[in-house]
Amino acid sequence: MQSSQGCPIFNVACDAGGKAIISAIYCISFIFGVNFIMLNLVIAVIIDQFVESAGREGLFLDNTLFEILHKKMLLDRFLKRLRTKVCIALGSDKSAQCCSW
């Protein structure tokens, strides 16, 4: 079926001119924008529930970053002393391999 202008009857692009392209771009960008916002809302709810349950289980007992770093430094010092004692206990023949940890 042809109309009087030579365009098919169901072809919107012929009737609307350039407005069809603009409306298609708007529709696609709207769909992507709404999907992005909804995905962020779902992720925010999941993270909120995780933080709440982690707080109930006591995973956030350290209040500051400095406390965590202090504990890490203590553990590093303990491991260094432990490795030294293991190297000494193994003897002098294996100490070169042992102390290269």
N, C-alpha and C. Protein backbone atom coordinates (compact mmCIF):
# COMPACT_ATOMS: atom_id res chain seq x y z
N MET A 1 0.84 -1.18 0.00
CA MET A 1 0.00 0.00 0.00
C MET A 1 0.88 1.23 0.00
N GLN A 2 0.62 2.09 -0.88
CA GLN A 2 1.39 3.31 -0.99
C GLN A 2 0.47 4.50 -0.72
N SER A 3 1.06 5.50 -0.06
CA SER A 3 0.29 6.73 0.14
C SER A 3 0.59 7.67 -1.01
N SER A 4 0.06 8.86 -0.95
CA SER A 4 0.23 9.81 -2.06
C SER A 4 1.66 10.35 -2.17
N GLN A 5 2.45 10.26 -1.10
CA GLN A 5 3.81 10.79 -1.12
C GLN A 5 4.84 9.74 -1.51
N GLY A 6 4.45 8.51 -1.73
CA GLY A 6 5.37 7.45 -2.10
C GLY A 6 5.92 6.68 -0.91
N CYS A 7 5.45 6.96 0.28
CA CYS A 7 5.88 6.25 1.47
C CYS A 7 4.85 5.19 1.81
N PRO A 8 5.31 4.08 2.37
CA PRO A 8 4.33 3.10 2.85
C PRO A 8 3.46 3.71 3.95
N ILE A 9 2.27 3.20 4.10
CA ILE A 9 1.32 3.77 5.06
C ILE A 9 1.82 3.62 6.49
N PHE A 10 2.45 2.49 6.83
CA PHE A 10 2.87 2.24 8.19
C PHE A 10 4.29 2.74 8.48
N ASN A 11 4.92 3.45 7.60
CA ASN A 11 6.27 3.97 7.82
C ASN A 11 6.18 5.31 8.52
N VAL A 12 6.53 5.34 9.78
CA VAL A 12 6.40 6.55 10.59
C VAL A 12 7.46 7.57 10.21
N ALA A 13 8.61 7.12 9.77
CA ALA A 13 9.70 8.04 9.47
C ALA A 13 9.36 8.99 8.32
N CYS A 14 8.57 8.55 7.37
CA CYS A 14 8.20 9.42 6.26
C CYS A 14 7.24 10.51 6.73
N ASP A 15 6.33 10.18 7.63
CA ASP A 15 5.34 11.13 8.08
C ASP A 15 5.91 12.14 9.08
N ALA A 16 6.82 11.69 9.93
CA ALA A 16 7.28 12.54 11.01
C ALA A 16 8.54 13.31 10.65
N GLY A 17 9.19 12.99 9.60
CA GLY A 17 10.44 13.66 9.24
C GLY A 17 11.55 13.24 10.18
N GLY A 18 12.28 14.21 10.76
CA GLY A 18 13.38 13.93 11.68
C GLY A 18 12.93 13.70 13.10
N LYS A 19 11.67 13.95 13.36
CA LYS A 19 11.17 13.80 14.74
C LYS A 19 11.16 12.34 15.18
N ALA A 20 11.05 11.41 14.27
CA ALA A 20 11.04 10.00 14.64
C ALA A 20 12.39 9.58 15.20
N ILE A 21 13.46 10.08 14.65
CA ILE A 21 14.81 9.74 15.13
C ILE A 21 15.02 10.32 16.52
N ILE A 22 14.59 11.55 16.72
CA ILE A 22 14.75 12.19 18.03
C ILE A 22 13.93 11.46 19.09
N SER A 23 12.71 11.07 18.75
CA SER A 23 11.88 10.37 19.73
C SER A 23 12.44 8.97 20.01
N ALA A 24 13.02 8.32 19.04
CA ALA A 24 13.63 7.00 19.27
C ALA A 24 14.85 7.13 20.19
N ILE A 25 15.68 8.14 19.97
CA ILE A 25 16.84 8.36 20.83
C ILE A 25 16.38 8.67 22.26
N TYR A 26 15.35 9.49 22.39
CA TYR A 26 14.82 9.82 23.73
C TYR A 26 14.30 8.57 24.42
N CYS A 27 13.54 7.75 23.71
CA CYS A 27 12.96 6.54 24.30
C CYS A 27 14.05 5.57 24.76
N ILE A 28 15.05 5.35 23.93
CA ILE A 28 16.14 4.43 24.27
C ILE A 28 16.94 4.96 25.45
N SER A 29 17.26 6.25 25.45
CA SER A 29 18.01 6.81 26.58
C SER A 29 17.18 6.78 27.86
N PHE A 30 15.88 6.97 27.77
CA PHE A 30 15.01 6.89 28.94
C PHE A 30 15.01 5.48 29.51
N ILE A 31 14.92 4.48 28.65
CA ILE A 31 14.91 3.09 29.11
C ILE A 31 16.23 2.75 29.80
N PHE A 32 17.35 3.14 29.20
CA PHE A 32 18.65 2.87 29.83
C PHE A 32 18.80 3.61 31.15
N GLY A 33 18.34 4.84 31.21
CA GLY A 33 18.43 5.62 32.45
C GLY A 33 17.61 5.01 33.57
N VAL A 34 16.39 4.60 33.28
CA VAL A 34 15.53 4.00 34.30
C VAL A 34 16.09 2.66 34.75
N ASN A 35 16.61 1.87 33.82
CA ASN A 35 17.22 0.59 34.20
C ASN A 35 18.44 0.79 35.10
N PHE A 36 19.23 1.82 34.82
CA PHE A 36 20.40 2.13 35.64
C PHE A 36 19.98 2.51 37.06
N ILE A 37 18.96 3.33 37.18
CA ILE A 37 18.48 3.75 38.50
C ILE A 37 17.90 2.56 39.26
N MET A 38 17.13 1.72 38.61
CA MET A 38 16.54 0.57 39.29
C MET A 38 17.61 -0.43 39.74
N LEU A 39 18.63 -0.62 38.92
CA LEU A 39 19.73 -1.50 39.30
C LEU A 39 20.46 -0.97 40.52
N ASN A 40 20.68 0.34 40.57
CA ASN A 40 21.33 0.95 41.74
C ASN A 40 20.46 0.79 42.99
N LEU A 41 19.15 0.89 42.87
CA LEU A 41 18.27 0.70 44.02
C LEU A 41 18.34 -0.73 44.54
N VAL A 42 18.36 -1.69 43.66
CA VAL A 42 18.44 -3.09 44.08
C VAL A 42 19.77 -3.35 44.78
N ILE A 43 20.86 -2.85 44.21
CA ILE A 43 22.18 -3.04 44.82
C ILE A 43 22.23 -2.35 46.18
N ALA A 44 21.64 -1.18 46.30
CA ALA A 44 21.64 -0.47 47.58
C ALA A 44 20.89 -1.25 48.66
N VAL A 45 19.78 -1.87 48.31
CA VAL A 45 19.02 -2.67 49.28
C VAL A 45 19.83 -3.89 49.70
N ILE A 46 20.50 -4.55 48.76
CA ILE A 46 21.31 -5.72 49.10
C ILE A 46 22.45 -5.33 50.02
N ILE A 47 23.14 -4.23 49.70
CA ILE A 47 24.26 -3.79 50.54
C ILE A 47 23.77 -3.38 51.92
N ASP A 48 22.63 -2.72 51.99
CA ASP A 48 22.07 -2.32 53.28
C ASP A 48 21.77 -3.53 54.15
N GLN A 49 21.19 -4.56 53.56
CA GLN A 49 20.90 -5.78 54.32
C GLN A 49 22.19 -6.48 54.76
N PHE A 50 23.21 -6.45 53.90
CA PHE A 50 24.49 -7.06 54.26
C PHE A 50 25.13 -6.33 55.43
N VAL A 51 25.12 -5.00 55.39
CA VAL A 51 25.72 -4.22 56.48
C VAL A 51 24.96 -4.46 57.79
N GLU A 52 23.64 -4.53 57.70
CA GLU A 52 22.84 -4.77 58.91
C GLU A 52 23.13 -6.14 59.51
N SER A 53 23.18 -7.16 58.68
CA SER A 53 23.44 -8.51 59.22
C SER A 53 24.89 -8.65 59.67
N ALA A 54 25.84 -7.99 59.01
CA ALA A 54 27.23 -8.04 59.46
C ALA A 54 27.39 -7.33 60.80
N GLY A 55 26.64 -6.27 61.02
CA GLY A 55 26.68 -5.58 62.30
C GLY A 55 26.11 -6.44 63.42
N ARG A 56 25.05 -7.18 63.12
CA ARG A 56 24.47 -8.08 64.12
C ARG A 56 25.42 -9.22 64.48
N GLU A 57 26.21 -9.68 63.51
CA GLU A 57 27.13 -10.78 63.75
C GLU A 57 28.44 -10.31 64.37
N GLY A 58 28.64 -9.02 64.46
CA GLY A 58 29.84 -8.49 65.10
C GLY A 58 31.04 -8.38 64.18
N LEU A 59 30.82 -8.27 62.89
CA LEU A 59 31.94 -8.15 61.96
C LEU A 59 32.53 -6.74 61.92
N PHE A 60 31.81 -5.77 62.43
CA PHE A 60 32.27 -4.39 62.41
C PHE A 60 32.63 -3.92 63.81
N LEU A 61 33.39 -4.71 64.54
CA LEU A 61 33.75 -4.32 65.89
C LEU A 61 34.83 -3.25 65.91
N ASP A 62 35.70 -3.20 64.92
CA ASP A 62 36.74 -2.18 64.85
C ASP A 62 36.12 -0.88 64.33
N ASN A 63 36.31 0.17 65.11
CA ASN A 63 35.66 1.42 64.77
C ASN A 63 36.43 2.25 63.77
N THR A 64 37.74 2.16 63.80
CA THR A 64 38.53 3.04 62.95
C THR A 64 39.50 2.23 62.11
N LEU A 65 39.99 2.89 61.09
CA LEU A 65 40.99 2.29 60.22
C LEU A 65 42.31 2.10 60.96
N PHE A 66 42.61 2.98 61.90
CA PHE A 66 43.85 2.89 62.64
C PHE A 66 43.89 1.63 63.52
N GLU A 67 42.76 1.24 64.08
CA GLU A 67 42.72 0.01 64.87
C GLU A 67 43.00 -1.21 64.00
N ILE A 68 42.45 -1.21 62.80
CA ILE A 68 42.67 -2.32 61.87
C ILE A 68 44.14 -2.37 61.45
N LEU A 69 44.71 -1.22 61.13
CA LEU A 69 46.13 -1.18 60.74
C LEU A 69 47.03 -1.59 61.89
N HIS A 70 46.68 -1.20 63.11
CA HIS A 70 47.47 -1.58 64.27
C HIS A 70 47.45 -3.11 64.45
N LYS A 71 46.29 -3.73 64.29
CA LYS A 71 46.20 -5.18 64.40
C LYS A 71 47.01 -5.87 63.31
N LYS A 72 47.00 -5.30 62.10
CA LYS A 72 47.77 -5.89 61.01
C LYS A 72 49.26 -5.78 61.30
N MET A 73 49.71 -4.66 61.82
CA MET A 73 51.12 -4.50 62.14
C MET A 73 51.54 -5.48 63.24
N LEU A 74 50.69 -5.69 64.24
CA LEU A 74 51.00 -6.66 65.29
C LEU A 74 51.10 -8.07 64.73
N LEU A 75 50.19 -8.42 63.81
CA LEU A 75 50.24 -9.74 63.21
C LEU A 75 51.48 -9.91 62.34
N ASP A 76 51.86 -8.88 61.60
CA ASP A 76 53.08 -8.95 60.78
C ASP A 76 54.31 -9.15 61.66
N ARG A 77 54.38 -8.44 62.77
CA ARG A 77 55.51 -8.58 63.69
C ARG A 77 55.54 -9.98 64.29
N PHE A 78 54.37 -10.50 64.65
CA PHE A 78 54.29 -11.85 65.19
C PHE A 78 54.77 -12.89 64.17
N LEU A 79 54.34 -12.74 62.91
CA LEU A 79 54.76 -13.68 61.87
C LEU A 79 56.26 -13.62 61.63
N LYS A 80 56.84 -12.42 61.66
CA LYS A 80 58.28 -12.29 61.46
C LYS A 80 59.05 -13.01 62.57
N ARG A 81 58.62 -12.81 63.82
CA ARG A 81 59.27 -13.49 64.95
C ARG A 81 59.08 -15.00 64.87
N LEU A 82 57.89 -15.45 64.46
CA LEU A 82 57.63 -16.87 64.34
C LEU A 82 58.51 -17.49 63.26
N ARG A 83 58.65 -16.83 62.14
CA ARG A 83 59.50 -17.34 61.06
C ARG A 83 60.96 -17.42 61.51
N THR A 84 61.41 -16.43 62.27
CA THR A 84 62.77 -16.44 62.77
C THR A 84 62.99 -17.63 63.69
N LYS A 85 62.04 -17.89 64.57
CA LYS A 85 62.17 -19.02 65.49
C LYS A 85 62.14 -20.35 64.75
N VAL A 86 61.33 -20.45 63.71
CA VAL A 86 61.28 -21.68 62.91
C VAL A 86 62.61 -21.88 62.19
N CYS A 87 63.18 -20.83 61.67
CA CYS A 87 64.47 -20.93 60.97
C CYS A 87 65.57 -21.37 61.94
N ILE A 88 65.54 -20.83 63.13
CA ILE A 88 66.54 -21.20 64.13
C ILE A 88 66.36 -22.67 64.53
N ALA A 89 65.12 -23.10 64.68
CA ALA A 89 64.85 -24.47 65.08
C ALA A 89 65.24 -25.47 64.01
N LEU A 90 65.17 -25.09 62.74
CA LEU A 90 65.53 -26.00 61.66
C LEU A 90 67.03 -26.19 61.54
N GLY A 91 67.78 -25.24 62.00
CA GLY A 91 69.23 -25.37 61.95
C GLY A 91 69.84 -24.53 60.85
N SER A 92 71.14 -24.57 60.79
CA SER A 92 71.87 -23.69 59.88
C SER A 92 71.83 -24.17 58.44
N ASP A 93 71.66 -25.49 58.18
CA ASP A 93 71.69 -25.97 56.81
C ASP A 93 70.45 -25.60 56.02
N LYS A 94 69.31 -25.46 56.67
CA LYS A 94 68.09 -25.10 55.97
C LYS A 94 67.67 -23.66 56.23
N SER A 95 68.45 -22.90 56.95
CA SER A 95 68.04 -21.55 57.30
C SER A 95 68.02 -20.61 56.10
N ALA A 96 68.84 -20.85 55.09
CA ALA A 96 68.84 -19.99 53.92
C ALA A 96 67.55 -20.14 53.15
N GLN A 97 67.05 -21.36 53.04
CA GLN A 97 65.78 -21.58 52.34
C GLN A 97 64.60 -21.08 53.18
N CYS A 98 64.69 -21.28 54.47
CA CYS A 98 63.59 -20.96 55.38
C CYS A 98 63.41 -19.46 55.53
N CYS A 99 64.48 -18.73 55.67
CA CYS A 99 64.39 -17.30 55.93
C CYS A 99 64.09 -16.49 54.68
N SER A 100 63.97 -17.11 53.52
CA SER A 100 63.64 -16.39 52.31
C SER A 100 62.14 -16.18 52.13
N TRP A 101 61.36 -16.58 53.13
CA TRP A 101 59.91 -16.37 53.06
C TRP A 101 59.65 -14.95 52.91
